Amino acid sequence: MNLLYQSTRSHAAPITASQAILKGLAEDGGLYVPESIPKLTLSLKELSTLTYQQAAYEVMKLYFTDFTEEELKSCIDNAYDEKFDTAEIAPVKEAGGLYYLELFHGSTIAFKDMALSILPHLLTTAAKKNNVTDEIVILTATSGDTGKAALAGFADVKGTRIIVFYPKDGVSPIQEKQMVTQKGDNAYVIGIEGNFDDAQNGVKAMFNNRQLAEDLKAKGYVFSSANSINIGRLVPQIVYYIYAYGNLLRKGVISEGEKINAAVPTGNFGNILAAFYAKQMGLPLDKLICASNENKVLFDFLETGIYNRKREFILTSSPSMDILISSNLERLIYLSSGKDSDKTLALMNSLTKEGEYEITKEMKGNITGVLGGYASESQTAELIKDLYEKEGYVIDTHTAVGASVYSRYKEKSQDANKAIIASTASPYKFTRSVMEAIDPKYGTMGDFELVDELSRISKVAVPAAIEEIRSAKVLHNRICRKDEMQKVVEEILK
């Protein structure tokens, strides 16, 4: 059966998976969702015997039904190869009674690699399938990790250009260095004077500008997205939850069918939404813990049913989660409304115009098994220090948010389920925050001195992604105001 995709905001005719991947965002501003969430076709025991690549195929074939087996396997094999520094792709490490799903072994040492390693292959294959000859312009806003992972994925990919906007003062020094040193004749990186929400709003505005689309079409360009609003980003993220469950089952940590919990540090709600989809597919996930930092808009929403972005934007040590408009939540809102696109559109319009919306009690009741929690800066730092001192295991600030929130949930609820923590970035990506959490004395050291010290205390080799930027030349130094983003794109594309 061919699985089709529809917009969350209208009754427009559904389209194929490849068309949804190409478009990224629907013309009405909505996000594409599958008409139904498919069920797993292999038993959990069978899934536990698969390599990561095999698991990826078993998941993606259910969603990307207009891709041939040969096309999908080619995309998967090109994505999950030696660019990952472990053959497992996404290993699970036990520390302090929790199971850390390490999603940072790709080329840019963050979980975005898991999807952005394959998206360029899906996108270029989709273009061929749909006879698209226009040059594809990947337009992306990043809170730090998506940008570099997308740049690495699309650099010098024929028939594409990639333009990344990031908050100039809202990412870590390592994140910024990774982006501004990116090579590739088709790659452009621009810092904006504003925060991530400003960057994301600017990108969305360009996607929704029909006149701009027509002008670019006339010049042979078409927009697409590498953000998790693209279904080609979301589906690959489902894979690692299924693979992680199989990993625990294979090792004898859990028995077949045993329910486990998952704690996911998230700002844009994409990573935890992937876990939600995995649960709907039949994976025995029980509680999904949505972990926020001090920008706790998602926690407040899950507690009250009211989404309110009218609050102070706080810069934290987990900058990839410094987000007040969680785009992917729209997909969950759509499902909770009974797939009511009119209701979803009204709520999203309210968010745009009024800065908030409130879902009904019935909708809130439909969001079962998703719980919220948040960690303060001091709680995040305390967990990093405590885990290192007790277990010798060093985690980054985002992962620490997830672990901190889950530890307090477990203590309060006495939930006996085993739990995986989505470990979304290498500690090397946020070295200063991590090292100062372990011991304030590290505050006097330089960024790369800290890198070497982290390697010494963690007994983990410095990743290639960090080694290569030690002396890399800055290639992108453009900065613009948030109201100049479209002008910059038009200049790049002439």
Protein backbone atom coordinates (compact mmCIF):
# COMPACT_ATOMS: atom_id res chain seq x y z
CA MET A 1 0.00 0.00 0.00
CA ASN A 2 1.24 3.46 -0.89
CA LEU A 3 1.37 5.63 2.25
CA LEU A 4 0.45 9.23 1.44
CA TYR A 5 1.10 12.44 3.37
CA GLN A 6 -1.24 15.28 4.20
CA SER A 7 -0.80 18.75 5.63
CA THR A 8 -1.66 19.47 9.25
CA ARG A 9 -3.40 22.69 8.20
CA SER A 10 -5.68 21.97 5.23
CA HIS A 11 -7.72 19.41 3.33
CA ALA A 12 -5.46 19.60 0.28
CA ALA A 13 -4.98 16.36 -1.65
CA PRO A 14 -2.38 14.08 -0.03
CA ILE A 15 0.98 13.58 -1.73
CA THR A 16 3.63 10.85 -1.88
CA ALA A 17 6.53 10.51 0.54
CA SER A 18 9.06 11.67 -2.06
CA GLN A 19 6.96 14.77 -2.81
CA ALA A 20 6.65 15.56 0.91
CA ILE A 21 10.43 15.24 1.33
CA LEU A 22 11.00 17.56 -1.63
CA LYS A 23 8.57 20.22 -0.42
CA GLY A 24 9.65 20.13 3.24
CA LEU A 25 6.80 22.42 4.29
CA ALA A 26 3.29 22.33 2.85
CA GLU A 27 2.15 25.31 0.76
CA ASP A 28 -0.40 26.22 3.45
CA GLY A 29 2.37 26.42 6.07
CA GLY A 30 1.47 23.06 7.59
CA LEU A 31 3.69 20.07 8.26
CA TYR A 32 3.32 16.82 6.37
CA VAL A 33 2.14 13.80 8.35
CA PRO A 34 1.46 10.23 7.18
CA GLU A 35 -2.25 9.45 6.71
CA SER A 36 -1.70 6.62 9.18
CA ILE A 37 1.21 5.44 11.32
CA PRO A 38 2.28 1.99 10.11
CA LYS A 39 2.83 -0.95 12.45
CA LEU A 40 6.12 -2.84 12.73
CA THR A 41 6.13 -5.92 10.51
CA LEU A 42 8.90 -7.82 12.32
CA SER A 43 8.74 -9.20 15.85
CA LEU A 44 10.82 -7.49 18.53
CA LYS A 45 13.06 -10.54 18.68
CA GLU A 46 13.63 -10.34 14.91
CA LEU A 47 14.38 -6.62 15.20
CA SER A 48 16.97 -7.33 17.89
CA THR A 49 19.07 -9.32 15.40
CA LEU A 50 19.36 -6.49 12.86
CA THR A 51 22.24 -4.15 12.13
CA TYR A 52 21.46 -0.44 12.28
CA GLN A 53 21.26 -0.32 8.49
CA GLN A 54 18.83 -3.25 8.40
CA ALA A 55 16.67 -1.69 11.12
CA ALA A 56 16.64 1.58 9.15
CA TYR A 57 15.33 -0.22 6.09
CA GLU A 58 12.61 -2.03 8.06
CA VAL A 59 11.32 1.31 9.38
CA MET A 60 11.77 3.50 6.32
CA LYS A 61 10.17 1.05 3.88
CA LEU A 62 6.93 1.44 5.85
CA TYR A 63 6.93 5.25 5.50
CA PHE A 64 8.68 5.94 2.19
CA THR A 65 6.56 3.58 0.14
CA ASP A 66 7.17 5.19 -3.26
CA PHE A 67 10.92 4.51 -2.97
CA THR A 68 12.07 1.19 -4.38
CA GLU A 69 13.98 -1.27 -2.21
CA GLU A 70 17.11 -0.53 -4.22
CA GLU A 71 16.70 3.24 -3.81
CA LEU A 72 16.12 3.06 -0.07
CA LYS A 73 18.97 0.66 0.60
CA SER A 74 21.30 2.83 -1.46
CA CYS A 75 20.34 5.91 0.60
CA ILE A 76 20.84 3.97 3.85
CA ASP A 77 24.19 2.47 2.85
CA ASN A 78 25.51 5.88 1.76
CA ALA A 79 24.35 7.47 5.02
CA TYR A 80 25.37 4.99 7.71
CA ASP A 81 28.92 4.19 6.69
CA GLU A 82 32.44 4.91 7.91
CA LYS A 83 31.57 8.54 8.69
CA PHE A 84 30.28 7.12 11.99
CA ASP A 85 33.10 6.28 14.40
CA THR A 86 31.41 3.13 15.73
CA ALA A 87 30.07 0.17 13.75
CA GLU A 88 26.96 0.13 15.96
CA ILE A 89 26.07 3.66 14.72
CA ALA A 90 24.03 4.29 17.90
CA PRO A 91 25.49 2.32 20.86
CA VAL A 92 23.80 2.14 24.27
CA LYS A 93 25.94 2.70 27.38
CA GLU A 94 24.83 1.94 30.93
CA ALA A 95 25.81 4.42 33.65
CA GLY A 96 24.26 4.98 37.04
CA GLY A 97 21.34 2.65 36.32
CA LEU A 98 20.26 4.48 33.15
CA TYR A 99 20.90 3.50 29.54
CA TYR A 100 22.37 6.30 27.42
CA LEU A 101 21.54 6.03 23.72
CA GLU A 102 24.63 7.67 22.18
CA LEU A 103 23.44 9.50 19.07
CA PHE A 104 26.62 11.51 18.53
CA HIS A 105 28.97 9.19 16.69
CA GLY A 106 28.46 10.81 13.28
CA SER A 107 30.60 13.33 11.46
CA THR A 108 29.41 16.39 13.44
CA ILE A 109 29.08 14.64 16.86
CA ALA A 110 25.40 15.43 17.41
CA PHE A 111 22.18 13.45 17.02
CA LYS A 112 21.20 15.48 13.95
CA ASP A 113 23.71 13.36 12.01
CA MET A 114 21.39 10.38 12.40
CA ALA A 115 18.87 11.98 10.04
CA LEU A 116 20.96 14.50 8.14
CA SER A 117 23.37 11.86 6.90
CA ILE A 118 20.52 10.31 4.91
CA LEU A 119 18.37 13.34 4.02
CA PRO A 120 20.57 14.53 1.10
CA HIS A 121 20.32 11.05 -0.45
CA LEU A 122 16.55 10.89 0.09
CA LEU A 123 16.15 14.38 -1.34
CA THR A 124 18.21 13.88 -4.47
CA THR A 125 16.54 10.50 -5.08
CA ALA A 126 13.13 12.15 -4.61
CA ALA A 127 14.07 14.85 -7.12
CA LYS A 128 14.91 12.24 -9.76
CA LYS A 129 11.69 10.33 -9.04
CA ASN A 130 9.64 13.48 -9.57
CA ASN A 131 11.60 14.78 -12.57
CA VAL A 132 12.71 17.91 -10.71
CA THR A 133 15.45 19.67 -12.64
CA ASP A 134 15.50 22.90 -10.61
CA GLU A 135 18.39 23.45 -8.23
CA ILE A 136 17.20 22.58 -4.70
CA VAL A 137 17.93 25.30 -2.14
CA ILE A 138 18.05 23.92 1.40
CA LEU A 139 16.97 26.75 3.67
CA THR A 140 17.55 26.05 7.36
CA ALA A 141 17.49 27.74 10.75
CA THR A 142 19.60 26.17 13.46
CA SER A 143 19.97 26.42 17.22
CA GLY A 144 23.44 24.95 16.81
CA ASP A 145 23.47 21.32 15.72
CA THR A 146 21.15 21.04 12.71
CA GLY A 147 23.19 23.65 10.86
CA LYS A 148 26.51 21.83 10.90
CA ALA A 149 24.95 18.42 10.31
CA ALA A 150 23.00 19.76 7.33
CA LEU A 151 26.05 21.57 5.97
CA ALA A 152 28.12 18.40 6.23
CA GLY A 153 25.40 16.38 4.56
CA PHE A 154 24.75 18.72 1.64
CA ALA A 155 28.23 20.17 1.03
CA ASP A 156 29.05 19.83 -2.68
CA VAL A 157 25.98 17.63 -3.33
CA LYS A 158 25.22 18.18 -7.01
CA GLY A 159 22.00 20.05 -7.75
CA THR A 160 21.71 21.59 -4.27
CA ARG A 161 22.66 24.69 -2.33
CA ILE A 162 22.39 25.04 1.43
CA ILE A 163 21.86 28.29 3.33
CA VAL A 164 22.00 28.12 7.14
CA PHE A 165 20.98 30.89 9.54
CA TYR A 166 22.05 30.70 13.20
CA PRO A 167 21.76 33.06 16.22
CA LYS A 168 25.14 34.81 16.31
CA ASP A 169 25.34 34.88 20.11
CA GLY A 170 23.22 31.81 20.83
CA VAL A 171 25.46 28.81 20.07
CA SER A 172 28.53 27.35 21.73
CA PRO A 173 32.03 28.36 20.49
CA ILE A 174 32.58 24.83 19.12
CA GLN A 175 29.21 24.83 17.34
CA GLU A 176 29.97 28.17 15.70
CA LYS A 177 33.50 27.15 14.69
CA GLN A 178 32.11 23.97 13.11
CA MET A 179 29.70 25.98 10.96
CA VAL A 180 31.83 28.94 9.93
CA THR A 181 34.68 26.69 8.77
CA GLN A 182 32.43 24.54 6.58
CA LYS A 183 33.83 23.90 3.12
CA GLY A 184 31.71 23.49 -0.01
CA ASP A 185 31.04 25.74 -2.99
CA ASN A 186 27.29 25.39 -2.41
CA ALA A 187 27.32 26.15 1.34
CA TYR A 188 26.45 29.49 2.98
CA VAL A 189 26.37 30.28 6.71
CA ILE A 190 24.89 33.49 8.11
CA GLY A 191 24.73 34.63 11.74
CA ILE A 192 21.68 36.70 12.64
CA GLU A 193 21.30 39.36 15.29
CA GLY A 194 18.55 37.56 17.20
CA ASN A 195 17.67 34.18 18.70
CA PHE A 196 16.75 30.83 17.17
CA ASP A 197 13.04 31.62 17.07
CA ASP A 198 13.86 34.74 15.00
CA ALA A 199 15.87 32.60 12.59
CA GLN A 200 13.14 29.96 12.38
CA ASN A 201 10.40 32.55 11.85
CA GLY A 202 12.43 34.15 9.05
CA VAL A 203 12.91 30.82 7.29
CA LYS A 204 9.22 29.93 7.63
CA ALA A 205 8.24 33.33 6.24
CA MET A 206 10.33 32.66 3.12
CA PHE A 207 8.77 29.22 2.69
CA ASN A 208 5.31 30.79 2.92
CA ASN A 209 6.12 33.64 0.50
CA ARG A 210 4.44 32.54 -2.72
CA GLN A 211 5.79 35.49 -4.72
CA LEU A 212 9.34 34.64 -3.67
CA ALA A 213 8.76 31.01 -4.68
CA GLU A 214 7.55 32.09 -8.12
CA ASP A 215 10.49 34.46 -8.60
CA LEU A 216 12.97 31.74 -7.66
CA LYS A 217 11.19 29.15 -9.82
CA ALA A 218 11.65 31.45 -12.79
CA LYS A 219 15.40 31.43 -12.08
CA GLY A 220 15.54 27.63 -11.71
CA TYR A 221 15.46 27.30 -7.91
CA VAL A 222 13.11 25.50 -5.52
CA PHE A 223 13.16 25.65 -1.70
CA SER A 224 13.32 22.64 0.58
CA SER A 225 14.15 22.22 4.26
CA ALA A 226 16.62 20.24 6.34
CA ASN A 227 14.90 21.12 9.61
CA SER A 228 12.87 18.48 11.41
CA ILE A 229 9.75 20.01 9.87
CA ASN A 230 10.78 17.85 6.87
CA ILE A 231 9.30 14.35 7.17
CA GLY A 232 12.57 13.11 5.65
CA ARG A 233 14.24 14.25 8.89
CA LEU A 234 11.66 12.86 11.28
CA VAL A 235 11.29 9.28 10.01
CA PRO A 236 15.03 8.41 10.23
CA GLN A 237 14.90 9.46 13.89
CA ILE A 238 12.30 6.77 14.63
CA VAL A 239 14.90 4.15 13.76
CA TYR A 240 17.23 4.61 16.71
CA TYR A 241 14.54 4.06 19.33
CA ILE A 242 13.66 0.75 17.70
CA TYR A 243 17.35 -0.16 17.37
CA ALA A 244 17.99 0.78 21.02
CA TYR A 245 15.17 -1.47 22.22
CA GLY A 246 16.61 -4.31 20.12
CA ASN A 247 20.06 -3.58 21.58
CA LEU A 248 18.78 -3.97 25.16
CA LEU A 249 16.85 -7.09 24.20
CA ARG A 250 19.87 -8.63 22.49
CA LYS A 251 22.05 -8.00 25.55
CA GLY A 252 19.49 -9.56 27.87
CA VAL A 253 18.88 -6.30 29.73
CA ILE A 254 15.14 -6.59 29.00
CA SER A 255 12.82 -9.40 27.95
CA GLU A 256 10.78 -9.38 24.74
CA GLY A 257 7.77 -7.11 25.11
CA GLU A 258 9.03 -5.52 28.36
CA LYS A 259 8.07 -1.85 28.53
CA ILE A 260 10.78 0.77 28.88
CA ASN A 261 10.73 4.54 29.30
CA ALA A 262 12.57 7.15 27.25
CA ALA A 263 13.72 10.60 28.35
CA VAL A 264 14.41 13.00 25.52
CA PRO A 265 15.97 16.47 25.89
CA THR A 266 14.16 18.54 23.30
CA GLY A 267 13.42 22.08 22.19
CA ASN A 268 11.77 21.71 18.79
CA PHE A 269 9.93 18.49 19.81
CA GLY A 270 11.18 16.48 16.81
CA ASN A 271 13.29 13.92 18.66
CA ILE A 272 10.59 13.03 21.18
CA LEU A 273 7.95 13.01 18.44
CA ALA A 274 10.02 10.31 16.72
CA ALA A 275 9.81 8.28 19.95
CA PHE A 276 6.04 8.87 20.00
CA TYR A 277 5.77 7.54 16.44
CA ALA A 278 7.87 4.49 17.41
CA LYS A 279 5.45 3.81 20.27
CA GLN A 280 2.47 4.07 17.90
CA MET A 281 4.21 1.57 15.61
CA GLY A 282 4.17 -1.01 18.41
CA LEU A 283 7.48 -0.47 20.22
CA PRO A 284 6.91 -1.15 23.95
CA LEU A 285 7.66 2.36 25.12
CA ASP A 286 5.74 3.34 28.23
CA LYS A 287 6.46 6.84 29.50
CA LEU A 288 8.03 9.43 27.19
CA ILE A 289 9.65 12.14 29.29
CA CYS A 290 9.93 15.48 27.48
CA ALA A 291 12.91 17.17 29.15
CA SER A 292 13.28 20.96 28.89
CA ASN A 293 15.89 23.40 30.12
CA GLU A 294 14.93 26.74 31.69
CA ASN A 295 13.10 27.64 28.44
CA LYS A 296 10.36 25.34 29.72
CA VAL A 297 7.55 26.19 27.31
CA LEU A 298 6.96 22.49 26.53
CA PHE A 299 6.84 21.52 30.21
CA ASP A 300 4.26 24.22 30.90
CA PHE A 301 2.20 23.07 27.90
CA LEU A 302 2.17 19.43 28.97
CA GLU A 303 1.15 20.49 32.48
CA THR A 304 -1.60 22.96 31.55
CA GLY A 305 -2.60 22.44 27.91
CA ILE A 306 -1.65 26.07 27.27
CA TYR A 307 1.22 26.85 24.91
CA ASN A 308 2.53 30.34 25.66
CA ARG A 309 5.65 31.69 23.96
CA LYS A 310 5.27 35.13 25.59
CA ARG A 311 8.13 34.81 28.05
CA GLU A 312 11.77 35.69 28.50
CA PHE A 313 14.13 33.87 26.14
CA ILE A 314 16.93 32.45 28.30
CA LEU A 315 20.40 31.63 26.98
CA THR A 316 21.49 28.41 28.67
CA SER A 317 24.36 25.92 28.62
CA SER A 318 22.16 23.66 26.44
CA PRO A 319 21.67 26.12 23.54
CA SER A 320 20.21 23.62 21.06
CA MET A 321 17.14 23.59 23.32
CA ASP A 322 16.87 27.36 23.68
CA ILE A 323 13.62 27.48 21.73
CA LEU A 324 10.21 28.99 22.50
CA ILE A 325 8.36 27.90 19.35
CA SER A 326 8.49 24.12 19.06
CA SER A 327 7.56 23.51 15.44
CA ASN A 328 7.19 19.73 15.59
CA LEU A 329 4.61 19.93 18.37
CA GLU A 330 2.15 20.82 15.60
CA ARG A 331 2.20 17.20 14.41
CA LEU A 332 1.20 15.98 17.89
CA ILE A 333 -1.48 18.68 18.15
CA TYR A 334 -2.90 17.48 14.83
CA LEU A 335 -3.04 13.87 16.04
CA SER A 336 -4.54 14.86 19.41
CA SER A 337 -7.32 16.78 17.63
CA GLY A 338 -8.38 13.66 15.74
CA LYS A 339 -6.57 14.88 12.60
CA ASP A 340 -8.65 18.07 12.52
CA SER A 341 -6.72 20.37 10.17
CA ASP A 342 -9.14 23.28 10.73
CA LYS A 343 -8.61 23.11 14.48
CA THR A 344 -4.83 22.80 14.05
CA LEU A 345 -4.75 25.81 11.71
CA ALA A 346 -6.75 27.90 14.18
CA LEU A 347 -4.38 27.02 17.03
CA MET A 348 -1.27 27.78 14.96
CA ASN A 349 -2.76 31.10 13.83
CA SER A 350 -3.44 31.92 17.47
CA LEU A 351 0.20 31.19 18.31
CA THR A 352 1.34 33.52 15.53
CA LYS A 353 -1.08 36.36 16.30
CA GLU A 354 -1.63 36.10 20.05
CA GLY A 355 1.52 34.27 21.11
CA GLU A 356 -0.37 31.42 22.72
CA TYR A 357 -3.07 28.79 22.32
CA GLU A 358 -4.97 26.36 24.54
CA ILE A 359 -5.99 22.85 23.56
CA THR A 360 -9.22 21.24 24.73
CA LYS A 361 -9.42 18.80 27.66
CA GLU A 362 -10.21 16.04 25.15
CA MET A 363 -7.07 16.85 23.13
CA LYS A 364 -4.98 16.93 26.30
CA GLY A 365 -6.42 13.54 27.25
CA ASN A 366 -5.32 12.18 23.86
CA ILE A 367 -1.67 13.01 24.60
CA THR A 368 -1.17 9.98 26.80
CA GLY A 369 2.17 8.78 28.08
CA VAL A 370 4.02 12.03 27.30
CA LEU A 371 5.17 13.73 30.51
CA GLY A 372 7.13 16.92 30.97
CA GLY A 373 9.96 17.97 33.23
CA TYR A 374 12.69 20.62 33.27
CA ALA A 375 16.14 21.10 34.72
CA SER A 376 17.68 24.33 35.93
CA GLU A 377 21.24 25.30 35.01
CA SER A 378 22.45 24.27 38.47
CA GLN A 379 20.66 20.89 38.28
CA THR A 380 22.18 20.25 34.85
CA ALA A 381 25.72 21.04 36.05
CA GLU A 382 25.22 19.02 39.23
CA LEU A 383 24.23 15.92 37.26
CA ILE A 384 27.27 16.17 34.96
CA LYS A 385 29.60 16.42 37.96
CA ASP A 386 27.86 13.64 39.92
CA LEU A 387 27.79 11.18 37.01
CA TYR A 388 31.48 11.79 36.25
CA GLU A 389 32.57 11.40 39.87
CA LYS A 390 30.54 8.23 40.47
CA GLU A 391 30.75 6.51 37.08
CA GLY A 392 33.63 8.19 35.19
CA TYR A 393 31.13 8.85 32.39
CA VAL A 394 31.02 12.34 30.88
CA ILE A 395 27.88 13.62 29.16
CA ASP A 396 27.02 16.91 27.48
CA THR A 397 24.66 19.54 28.86
CA HIS A 398 21.62 18.52 26.77
CA THR A 399 21.94 14.87 27.76
CA ALA A 400 22.32 16.03 31.36
CA VAL A 401 19.00 17.87 31.13
CA GLY A 402 17.36 14.59 30.09
CA ALA A 403 19.09 12.55 32.80
CA SER A 404 18.38 15.14 35.51
CA VAL A 405 14.69 15.33 34.64
CA TYR A 406 14.39 11.55 34.49
CA SER A 407 16.22 10.97 37.77
CA ARG A 408 13.80 13.25 39.59
CA TYR A 409 10.79 11.68 37.82
CA LYS A 410 11.98 8.20 38.89
CA GLU A 411 12.56 9.30 42.48
CA LYS A 412 9.10 10.84 42.71
CA SER A 413 7.15 8.13 40.85
CA GLN A 414 9.15 5.05 41.91
CA ASP A 415 8.71 3.87 38.30
CA ALA A 416 10.64 0.59 38.00
CA ASN A 417 10.85 0.55 34.21
CA LYS A 418 14.31 0.55 32.68
CA ALA A 419 14.94 3.80 30.80
CA ILE A 420 16.94 5.08 27.88
CA ILE A 421 18.20 8.66 27.83
CA ALA A 422 18.62 10.17 24.39
CA SER A 423 22.23 11.34 24.50
CA THR A 424 21.99 13.99 21.84
CA ALA A 425 25.50 15.43 21.61
CA SER A 426 29.08 14.64 22.46
CA PRO A 427 30.45 16.45 25.52
CA TYR A 428 33.16 17.73 23.16
CA LYS A 429 30.57 19.96 21.51
CA PHE A 430 29.97 21.87 24.76
CA THR A 431 33.37 21.42 26.35
CA ARG A 432 33.47 24.60 28.42
CA SER A 433 30.08 24.11 30.05
CA VAL A 434 30.80 20.44 30.71
CA MET A 435 34.27 20.98 32.18
CA GLU A 436 33.24 23.91 34.36
CA ALA A 437 30.39 21.78 35.70
CA ILE A 438 32.92 19.09 36.69
CA ASP A 439 35.27 21.63 38.32
CA PRO A 440 35.17 25.47 38.22
CA LYS A 441 38.99 25.51 37.99
CA TYR A 442 38.68 24.74 34.27
CA GLY A 443 37.20 28.21 33.69
CA THR A 444 40.66 29.69 33.11
CA MET A 445 41.58 27.33 30.27
CA GLY A 446 41.24 27.97 26.53
CA ASP A 447 38.66 26.10 24.41
CA PHE A 448 41.09 23.60 22.91
CA GLU A 449 43.01 23.18 26.15
CA LEU A 450 39.68 22.07 27.59
CA VAL A 451 39.23 19.63 24.71
CA ASP A 452 42.52 17.91 25.58
CA GLU A 453 41.71 17.90 29.29
CA LEU A 454 38.29 16.35 28.59
CA SER A 455 40.00 13.60 26.61
CA ARG A 456 42.35 12.96 29.53
CA ILE A 457 39.70 12.70 32.25
CA SER A 458 37.09 10.84 30.17
CA LYS A 459 39.59 8.49 28.49
CA VAL A 460 37.75 9.12 25.20
CA ALA A 461 39.76 10.18 22.15
CA VAL A 462 39.12 13.64 20.73
CA PRO A 463 36.63 13.18 17.85
CA ALA A 464 37.76 13.93 14.31
CA ALA A 465 35.06 16.62 14.11
CA ILE A 466 36.91 18.60 16.79
CA GLU A 467 40.44 17.89 15.58
CA GLU A 468 39.64 19.23 12.13
CA ILE A 469 38.49 22.65 13.39
CA ARG A 470 41.50 23.35 15.63
CA SER A 471 43.25 25.25 12.87
CA ALA A 472 40.49 25.43 10.24
CA LYS A 473 40.10 28.71 8.38
CA VAL A 474 36.92 30.74 8.92
CA LEU A 475 35.12 30.77 5.56
CA HIS A 476 31.80 32.35 6.57
CA ASN A 477 31.63 35.63 8.47
CA ARG A 478 28.40 37.18 7.21
CA ILE A 479 26.00 38.64 9.79
CA CYS A 480 22.57 40.17 9.18
CA ARG A 481 19.56 41.52 11.06
CA LYS A 482 16.57 39.21 11.37
CA ASP A 483 14.59 41.39 8.94
CA GLU A 484 17.32 41.06 6.28
CA MET A 485 17.20 37.27 5.89
CA GLN A 486 15.22 37.22 2.63
CA LYS A 487 17.43 39.91 1.16
CA VAL A 488 20.51 37.80 1.97
CA VAL A 489 19.01 34.73 0.29
CA GLU A 490 18.12 36.74 -2.82
CA GLU A 491 21.68 38.07 -2.97
CA ILE A 492 23.18 34.58 -2.64
CA LEU A 493 20.95 33.28 -5.42
CA LYS A 494 21.39 36.50 -7.41
